[in-house]
Amino acid sequence: MVVVAVVAVLVAHAHGVPVVPHLHDLRRVVAETGPWAPLVFVMLQVLLNVPPFPRTVFTVAAGLLFGSAWGLLLTLTGTAIAAVLAFYLVRWTGGRLVARYATHRRAVWVRRRLDHHGTLAVTSLRLIPMVPFAALNYLSGLSTVRFLPYLLGTVVGSIPGTASIVILGDAVTGQVSPTLLAVSAACAVVGLAGVVIAARRPLPDEPDPA
């Protein structure tokens, strides 16, 4: 419900429609709830991000509700927990829940890189906006990638894109500094670089694209 309310406020604000509470009032109300708001936020993100619910909704909401620093920390925490739960859910079920979707050409391309490149593959694939968060969780569970490389790659690879969107969510309130906006742009550039890294990294049985 918190996320739905935030999305409604953002849409109304973008169209110049007066909203109650105001964006600043919304953040104040969240702050007055103490530790409950961050806890509920992370729990809700985990609950909805294990299934394929868009993670961007929570990333924007995190910046709006908690600011850049706390928003980034909270959404990365929710991201990591959701990724771990989805990873082990697939492995505990033997991959039966998603195996039939893993034969698609793009899914095979992703799995082969996960099998051979571990942390680097997970990191670079997390940097690619076109690779859905939940889909990569499931394919990682089907692959031979080990847990620690998967977790490390998930956290490191999620930072640039997450930071850029959280900062933009924070900027909606008009309180973000130009420095943070520059950081947001830099993170977006790093994220785009991940596309090149993942696409050009050859497999053992593939020729080097260079």
C-alpha atoms as a PDB file:
ATOM      1  CA  MET A   1       0.000   0.000   0.000  1.00  0.00           C
ATOM      2  CA  VAL A   2       2.875   2.377   0.750  1.00  0.00           C
ATOM      3  CA  VAL A   3       4.302   1.849  -2.729  1.00  0.00           C
ATOM      4  CA  VAL A   4       0.903   2.278  -4.395  1.00  0.00           C
ATOM      5  CA  ALA A   5       0.373   5.535  -2.515  1.00  0.00           C
ATOM      6  CA  VAL A   6       3.817   6.796  -3.488  1.00  0.00           C
ATOM      7  CA  VAL A   7       3.244   6.012  -7.158  1.00  0.00           C
ATOM      8  CA  ALA A   8      -0.097   7.821  -7.083  1.00  0.00           C
ATOM      9  CA  VAL A   9       1.529  10.875  -5.482  1.00  0.00           C
ATOM     10  CA  LEU A  10       4.326  10.907  -8.065  1.00  0.00           C
ATOM     11  CA  VAL A  11       1.911  10.702 -10.996  1.00  0.00           C
ATOM     12  CA  ALA A  12      -0.262  13.476  -9.589  1.00  0.00           C
ATOM     13  CA  HIS A  13       2.764  15.645  -8.822  1.00  0.00           C
ATOM     14  CA  ALA A  14       4.122  15.175 -12.346  1.00  0.00           C
ATOM     15  CA  HIS A  15       0.842  16.443 -13.799  1.00  0.00           C
ATOM     16  CA  GLY A  16       0.651  19.454 -11.472  1.00  0.00           C
ATOM     17  CA  VAL A  17      -2.294  18.082  -9.521  1.00  0.00           C
ATOM     18  CA  PRO A  18      -2.378  19.154  -5.847  1.00  0.00           C
ATOM     19  CA  VAL A  19      -1.863  16.112  -3.641  1.00  0.00           C
ATOM     20  CA  VAL A  20      -2.377  15.499   0.048  1.00  0.00           C
ATOM     21  CA  PRO A  21      -0.038  14.939   1.707  1.00  0.00           C
ATOM     22  CA  HIS A  22       2.562  17.091  -0.022  1.00  0.00           C
ATOM     23  CA  LEU A  23       5.796  15.313  -0.937  1.00  0.00           C
ATOM     24  CA  HIS A  24       7.643  16.940   1.970  1.00  0.00           C
ATOM     25  CA  ASP A  25       4.814  16.044   4.342  1.00  0.00           C
ATOM     26  CA  LEU A  26       4.911  12.458   3.119  1.00  0.00           C
ATOM     27  CA  ARG A  27       8.589  12.155   4.004  1.00  0.00           C
ATOM     28  CA  ARG A  28       7.948  13.744   7.396  1.00  0.00           C
ATOM     29  CA  VAL A  29       5.162  11.262   8.136  1.00  0.00           C
ATOM     30  CA  VAL A  30       7.446   8.387   7.178  1.00  0.00           C
ATOM     31  CA  ALA A  31      10.205   9.720   9.445  1.00  0.00           C
ATOM     32  CA  GLU A  32       7.773   9.965  12.366  1.00  0.00           C
ATOM     33  CA  THR A  33       7.000   6.238  12.169  1.00  0.00           C
ATOM     34  CA  GLY A  34      10.536   5.466  13.346  1.00  0.00           C
ATOM     35  CA  PRO A  35      11.987   2.082  12.319  1.00  0.00           C
ATOM     36  CA  TRP A  36       8.633   0.702  11.165  1.00  0.00           C
ATOM     37  CA  ALA A  37       8.559   2.434   7.790  1.00  0.00           C
ATOM     38  CA  PRO A  38      11.996   1.148   6.669  1.00  0.00           C
ATOM     39  CA  LEU A  39      11.169  -2.334   7.957  1.00  0.00           C
ATOM     40  CA  VAL A  40       7.812  -2.474   6.174  1.00  0.00           C
ATOM     41  CA  PHE A  41       9.369  -1.043   3.025  1.00  0.00           C
ATOM     42  CA  VAL A  42      12.072  -3.720   2.859  1.00  0.00           C
ATOM     43  CA  MET A  43       9.614  -6.518   3.692  1.00  0.00           C
ATOM     44  CA  LEU A  44       7.204  -5.336   0.999  1.00  0.00           C
ATOM     45  CA  GLN A  45       9.998  -5.055  -1.551  1.00  0.00           C
ATOM     46  CA  VAL A  46      11.166  -8.587  -0.797  1.00  0.00           C
ATOM     47  CA  LEU A  47       7.617  -9.944  -0.954  1.00  0.00           C
ATOM     48  CA  LEU A  48       6.971  -8.429  -4.384  1.00  0.00           C
ATOM     49  CA  ASN A  49      10.446  -8.765  -5.912  1.00  0.00           C
ATOM     50  CA  VAL A  50      10.791 -12.526  -5.475  1.00  0.00           C
ATOM     51  CA  PRO A  51       8.019 -12.764  -8.097  1.00  0.00           C
ATOM     52  CA  PRO A  52       8.560 -10.643 -11.239  1.00  0.00           C
ATOM     53  CA  PHE A  53       7.223  -7.306  -9.930  1.00  0.00           C
ATOM     54  CA  PRO A  54       9.105  -4.252 -11.305  1.00  0.00           C
ATOM     55  CA  ARG A  55      11.895  -3.311  -8.895  1.00  0.00           C
ATOM     56  CA  THR A  56      12.047   0.249 -10.250  1.00  0.00           C
ATOM     57  CA  VAL A  57       8.836   1.107  -8.400  1.00  0.00           C
ATOM     58  CA  PHE A  58      10.574   0.491  -5.076  1.00  0.00           C
ATOM     59  CA  THR A  59      13.774   2.226  -6.188  1.00  0.00           C
ATOM     60  CA  VAL A  60      11.963   5.470  -6.986  1.00  0.00           C
ATOM     61  CA  ALA A  61       9.849   5.199  -3.835  1.00  0.00           C
ATOM     62  CA  ALA A  62      12.965   4.682  -1.694  1.00  0.00           C
ATOM     63  CA  GLY A  63      14.482   7.965  -2.854  1.00  0.00           C
ATOM     64  CA  LEU A  64      11.232   9.814  -2.342  1.00  0.00           C
ATOM     65  CA  LEU A  65      10.455   8.424   1.103  1.00  0.00           C
ATOM     66  CA  PHE A  66      13.902   8.126   2.695  1.00  0.00           C
ATOM     67  CA  GLY A  67      16.291  10.318   0.700  1.00  0.00           C
ATOM     68  CA  SER A  68      19.328   9.305  -1.315  1.00  0.00           C
ATOM     69  CA  ALA A  69      21.547   7.665   1.322  1.00  0.00           C
ATOM     70  CA  TRP A  70      18.954   5.750   3.346  1.00  0.00           C
ATOM     71  CA  GLY A  71      16.903   5.035   0.233  1.00  0.00           C
ATOM     72  CA  LEU A  72      19.895   3.418  -1.474  1.00  0.00           C
ATOM     73  CA  LEU A  73      20.747   1.343   1.603  1.00  0.00           C
ATOM     74  CA  LEU A  74      17.171   0.126   2.084  1.00  0.00           C
ATOM     75  CA  THR A  75      16.486  -0.761  -1.521  1.00  0.00           C
ATOM     76  CA  LEU A  76      19.829  -2.560  -1.873  1.00  0.00           C
ATOM     77  CA  THR A  77      18.979  -4.533   1.277  1.00  0.00           C
ATOM     78  CA  GLY A  78      15.599  -5.499  -0.148  1.00  0.00           C
ATOM     79  CA  THR A  79      17.203  -6.302  -3.494  1.00  0.00           C
ATOM     80  CA  ALA A  80      19.794  -8.615  -1.930  1.00  0.00           C
ATOM     81  CA  ILE A  81      17.267 -10.464   0.235  1.00  0.00           C
ATOM     82  CA  ALA A  82      14.818 -10.921  -2.651  1.00  0.00           C
ATOM     83  CA  ALA A  83      17.608 -12.138  -4.922  1.00  0.00           C
ATOM     84  CA  VAL A  84      18.781 -14.679  -2.350  1.00  0.00           C
ATOM     85  CA  LEU A  85      15.268 -16.000  -1.694  1.00  0.00           C
ATOM     86  CA  ALA A  86      14.526 -16.374  -5.422  1.00  0.00           C
ATOM     87  CA  PHE A  87      17.908 -18.036  -6.005  1.00  0.00           C
ATOM     88  CA  TYR A  88      17.326 -20.673  -3.334  1.00  0.00           C
ATOM     89  CA  LEU A  89      13.655 -21.111  -4.191  1.00  0.00           C
ATOM     90  CA  VAL A  90      14.694 -22.278  -7.657  1.00  0.00           C
ATOM     91  CA  ARG A  91      17.405 -24.549  -6.288  1.00  0.00           C
ATOM     92  CA  TRP A  92      15.173 -26.028  -3.574  1.00  0.00           C
ATOM     93  CA  THR A  93      12.507 -26.872  -6.133  1.00  0.00           C
ATOM     94  CA  GLY A  94      15.039 -28.309  -8.558  1.00  0.00           C
ATOM     95  CA  GLY A  95      14.264 -25.555 -11.042  1.00  0.00           C
ATOM     96  CA  ARG A  96      10.867 -27.041 -11.847  1.00  0.00           C
ATOM     97  CA  LEU A  97       9.089 -23.695 -11.445  1.00  0.00           C
ATOM     98  CA  VAL A  98      11.045 -21.921 -14.176  1.00  0.00           C
ATOM     99  CA  ALA A  99      12.892 -24.587 -16.161  1.00  0.00           C
ATOM    100  CA  ARG A 100      10.436 -24.481 -19.060  1.00  0.00           C
ATOM    101  CA  TYR A 101      11.237 -20.798 -19.621  1.00  0.00           C
ATOM    102  CA  ALA A 102      15.000 -21.363 -19.607  1.00  0.00           C
ATOM    103  CA  THR A 103      15.260 -22.763 -23.136  1.00  0.00           C
ATOM    104  CA  HIS A 104      14.713 -19.397 -24.826  1.00  0.00           C
ATOM    105  CA  ARG A 105      17.743 -18.239 -26.816  1.00  0.00           C
ATOM    106  CA  ARG A 106      18.368 -15.208 -24.580  1.00  0.00           C
ATOM    107  CA  ALA A 107      17.951 -17.291 -21.419  1.00  0.00           C
ATOM    108  CA  VAL A 108      20.528 -19.776 -22.706  1.00  0.00           C
ATOM    109  CA  TRP A 109      22.927 -16.904 -23.480  1.00  0.00           C
ATOM    110  CA  VAL A 110      22.600 -15.639 -19.895  1.00  0.00           C
ATOM    111  CA  ARG A 111      22.944 -19.075 -18.293  1.00  0.00           C
ATOM    112  CA  ARG A 112      26.121 -19.898 -20.198  1.00  0.00           C
ATOM    113  CA  ARG A 113      27.773 -16.724 -18.941  1.00  0.00           C
ATOM    114  CA  LEU A 114      26.654 -17.447 -15.397  1.00  0.00           C
ATOM    115  CA  ASP A 115      28.093 -20.956 -15.645  1.00  0.00           C
ATOM    116  CA  HIS A 116      31.494 -19.792 -16.878  1.00  0.00           C
ATOM    117  CA  HIS A 117      32.126 -16.318 -15.438  1.00  0.00           C
ATOM    118  CA  GLY A 118      30.672 -16.315 -11.900  1.00  0.00           C
ATOM    119  CA  THR A 119      30.916 -12.955 -10.150  1.00  0.00           C
ATOM    120  CA  LEU A 120      31.857 -11.039 -13.296  1.00  0.00           C
ATOM    121  CA  ALA A 121      28.866 -12.454 -15.177  1.00  0.00           C
ATOM    122  CA  VAL A 122      26.391 -11.661 -12.395  1.00  0.00           C
ATOM    123  CA  THR A 123      27.833  -8.166 -11.928  1.00  0.00           C
ATOM    124  CA  SER A 124      27.804  -7.246 -15.606  1.00  0.00           C
ATOM    125  CA  LEU A 125      24.342  -8.730 -16.186  1.00  0.00           C
ATOM    126  CA  ARG A 126      22.937  -6.790 -13.216  1.00  0.00           C
ATOM    127  CA  LEU A 127      24.260  -3.643 -14.879  1.00  0.00           C
ATOM    128  CA  ILE A 128      22.141  -4.269 -17.992  1.00  0.00           C
ATOM    129  CA  PRO A 129      18.720  -2.593 -17.636  1.00  0.00           C
ATOM    130  CA  MET A 130      17.179  -4.945 -20.234  1.00  0.00           C
ATOM    131  CA  VAL A 131      17.846  -8.029 -18.084  1.00  0.00           C
ATOM    132  CA  PRO A 132      14.852  -8.337 -15.710  1.00  0.00           C
ATOM    133  CA  PHE A 133      15.799  -8.596 -12.045  1.00  0.00           C
ATOM    134  CA  ALA A 134      13.592 -11.626 -11.276  1.00  0.00           C
ATOM    135  CA  ALA A 135      14.534 -13.458 -14.469  1.00  0.00           C
ATOM    136  CA  LEU A 136      18.236 -13.223 -13.642  1.00  0.00           C
ATOM    137  CA  ASN A 137      17.525 -14.508 -10.130  1.00  0.00           C
ATOM    138  CA  TYR A 138      15.769 -17.564 -11.542  1.00  0.00           C
ATOM    139  CA  LEU A 139      18.387 -18.260 -14.204  1.00  0.00           C
ATOM    140  CA  SER A 140      21.131 -17.952 -11.593  1.00  0.00           C
ATOM    141  CA  GLY A 141      19.361 -20.585  -9.537  1.00  0.00           C
ATOM    142  CA  LEU A 142      19.309 -22.875 -12.574  1.00  0.00           C
ATOM    143  CA  SER A 143      22.972 -22.240 -13.358  1.00  0.00           C
ATOM    144  CA  THR A 144      26.085 -23.567 -11.625  1.00  0.00           C
ATOM    145  CA  VAL A 145      27.088 -20.176 -10.205  1.00  0.00           C
ATOM    146  CA  ARG A 146      27.937 -20.392  -6.503  1.00  0.00           C
ATOM    147  CA  PHE A 147      26.069 -18.424  -3.855  1.00  0.00           C
ATOM    148  CA  LEU A 148      28.774 -15.991  -2.704  1.00  0.00           C
ATOM    149  CA  PRO A 149      29.770 -14.899  -6.241  1.00  0.00           C
ATOM    150  CA  TYR A 150      26.064 -14.531  -7.004  1.00  0.00           C
ATOM    151  CA  LEU A 151      25.401 -12.382  -3.933  1.00  0.00           C
ATOM    152  CA  LEU A 152      28.504 -10.240  -4.454  1.00  0.00           C
ATOM    153  CA  GLY A 153      27.736  -9.739  -8.144  1.00  0.00           C
ATOM    154  CA  THR A 154      24.125  -8.860  -7.333  1.00  0.00           C
ATOM    155  CA  VAL A 155      25.043  -6.171  -4.813  1.00  0.00           C
ATOM    156  CA  VAL A 156      27.908  -4.648  -6.806  1.00  0.00           C
ATOM    157  CA  GLY A 157      26.072  -4.799 -10.120  1.00  0.00           C
ATOM    158  CA  SER A 158      22.884  -3.310  -8.677  1.00  0.00           C
ATOM    159  CA  ILE A 159      24.548  -0.260  -7.121  1.00  0.00           C
ATOM    160  CA  PRO A 160      24.961   2.007 -10.198  1.00  0.00           C
ATOM    161  CA  GLY A 161      21.447   1.667 -11.602  1.00  0.00           C
ATOM    162  CA  THR A 162      19.839   1.663  -8.164  1.00  0.00           C
ATOM    163  CA  ALA A 163      21.757   4.742  -7.047  1.00  0.00           C
ATOM    164  CA  SER A 164      20.857   6.690 -10.167  1.00  0.00           C
ATOM    165  CA  ILE A 165      17.125   6.005  -9.776  1.00  0.00           C
ATOM    166  CA  VAL A 166      17.063   6.524  -5.995  1.00  0.00           C
ATOM    167  CA  ILE A 167      18.738   9.907  -6.417  1.00  0.00           C
ATOM    168  CA  LEU A 168      16.241  10.886  -9.092  1.00  0.00           C
ATOM    169  CA  GLY A 169      13.426   9.822  -6.757  1.00  0.00           C
ATOM    170  CA  ASP A 170      14.942  12.023  -4.073  1.00  0.00           C
ATOM    171  CA  ALA A 171      15.199  14.883  -6.584  1.00  0.00           C
ATOM    172  CA  VAL A 172      11.410  14.944  -6.940  1.00  0.00           C
ATOM    173  CA  THR A 173      11.282  16.709  -3.566  1.00  0.00           C
ATOM    174  CA  GLY A 174      13.569  19.444  -4.909  1.00  0.00           C
ATOM    175  CA  GLN A 175      16.093  18.951  -2.101  1.00  0.00           C
ATOM    176  CA  VAL A 176      18.797  16.982  -3.886  1.00  0.00           C
ATOM    177  CA  SER A 177      22.136  18.685  -4.601  1.00  0.00           C
ATOM    178  CA  PRO A 178      23.722  19.085  -8.063  1.00  0.00           C
ATOM    179  CA  THR A 179      26.531  16.832  -6.844  1.00  0.00           C
ATOM    180  CA  LEU A 180      24.108  13.972  -6.236  1.00  0.00           C
ATOM    181  CA  LEU A 181      22.570  14.484  -9.667  1.00  0.00           C
ATOM    182  CA  ALA A 182      26.070  14.225 -11.142  1.00  0.00           C
ATOM    183  CA  VAL A 183      26.560  10.996  -9.199  1.00  0.00           C
ATOM    184  CA  SER A 184      23.265   9.760 -10.621  1.00  0.00           C
ATOM    185  CA  ALA A 185      24.423  10.464 -14.167  1.00  0.00           C
ATOM    186  CA  ALA A 186      27.783   8.774 -13.512  1.00  0.00           C
ATOM    187  CA  CYS A 187      26.038   5.687 -12.152  1.00  0.00           C
ATOM    188  CA  ALA A 188      23.866   5.533 -15.246  1.00  0.00           C
ATOM    189  CA  VAL A 189      26.965   5.650 -17.465  1.00  0.00           C
ATOM    190  CA  VAL A 190      28.546   2.803 -15.486  1.00  0.00           C
ATOM    191  CA  GLY A 191      25.352   0.819 -15.901  1.00  0.00           C
ATOM    192  CA  LEU A 192      25.428   1.263 -19.666  1.00  0.00           C
ATOM    193  CA  ALA A 193      29.059   0.140 -19.713  1.00  0.00           C
ATOM    194  CA  GLY A 194      27.870  -3.167 -18.258  1.00  0.00           C
ATOM    195  CA  VAL A 195      26.036  -3.889 -21.503  1.00  0.00           C
ATOM    196  CA  VAL A 196      29.331  -3.811 -23.406  1.00  0.00           C
ATOM    197  CA  ILE A 197      31.157  -5.879 -20.777  1.00  0.00           C
ATOM    198  CA  ALA A 198      28.587  -8.681 -20.744  1.00  0.00           C
ATOM    199  CA  ALA A 199      28.117  -8.768 -24.500  1.00  0.00           C
ATOM    200  CA  ARG A 200      31.829  -8.825 -25.383  1.00  0.00           C
ATOM    201  CA  ARG A 201      33.024 -11.232 -22.706  1.00  0.00           C
ATOM    202  CA  PRO A 202      33.665 -14.469 -24.660  1.00  0.00           C
ATOM    203  CA  LEU A 203      32.856 -17.977 -23.439  1.00  0.00           C
ATOM    204  CA  PRO A 204      35.483 -20.715 -23.565  1.00  0.00           C
ATOM    205  CA  ASP A 205      33.961 -22.114 -26.775  1.00  0.00           C
ATOM    206  CA  GLU A 206      33.267 -18.744 -28.406  1.00  0.00           C
ATOM    207  CA  PRO A 207      35.684 -16.567 -30.384  1.00  0.00           C
ATOM    208  CA  ASP A 208      36.773 -13.328 -28.832  1.00  0.00           C
ATOM    209  CA  PRO A 209      34.530 -10.575 -30.348  1.00  0.00           C
ATOM    210  CA  ALA A 210      37.513  -8.235 -30.485  1.00  0.00           C
END
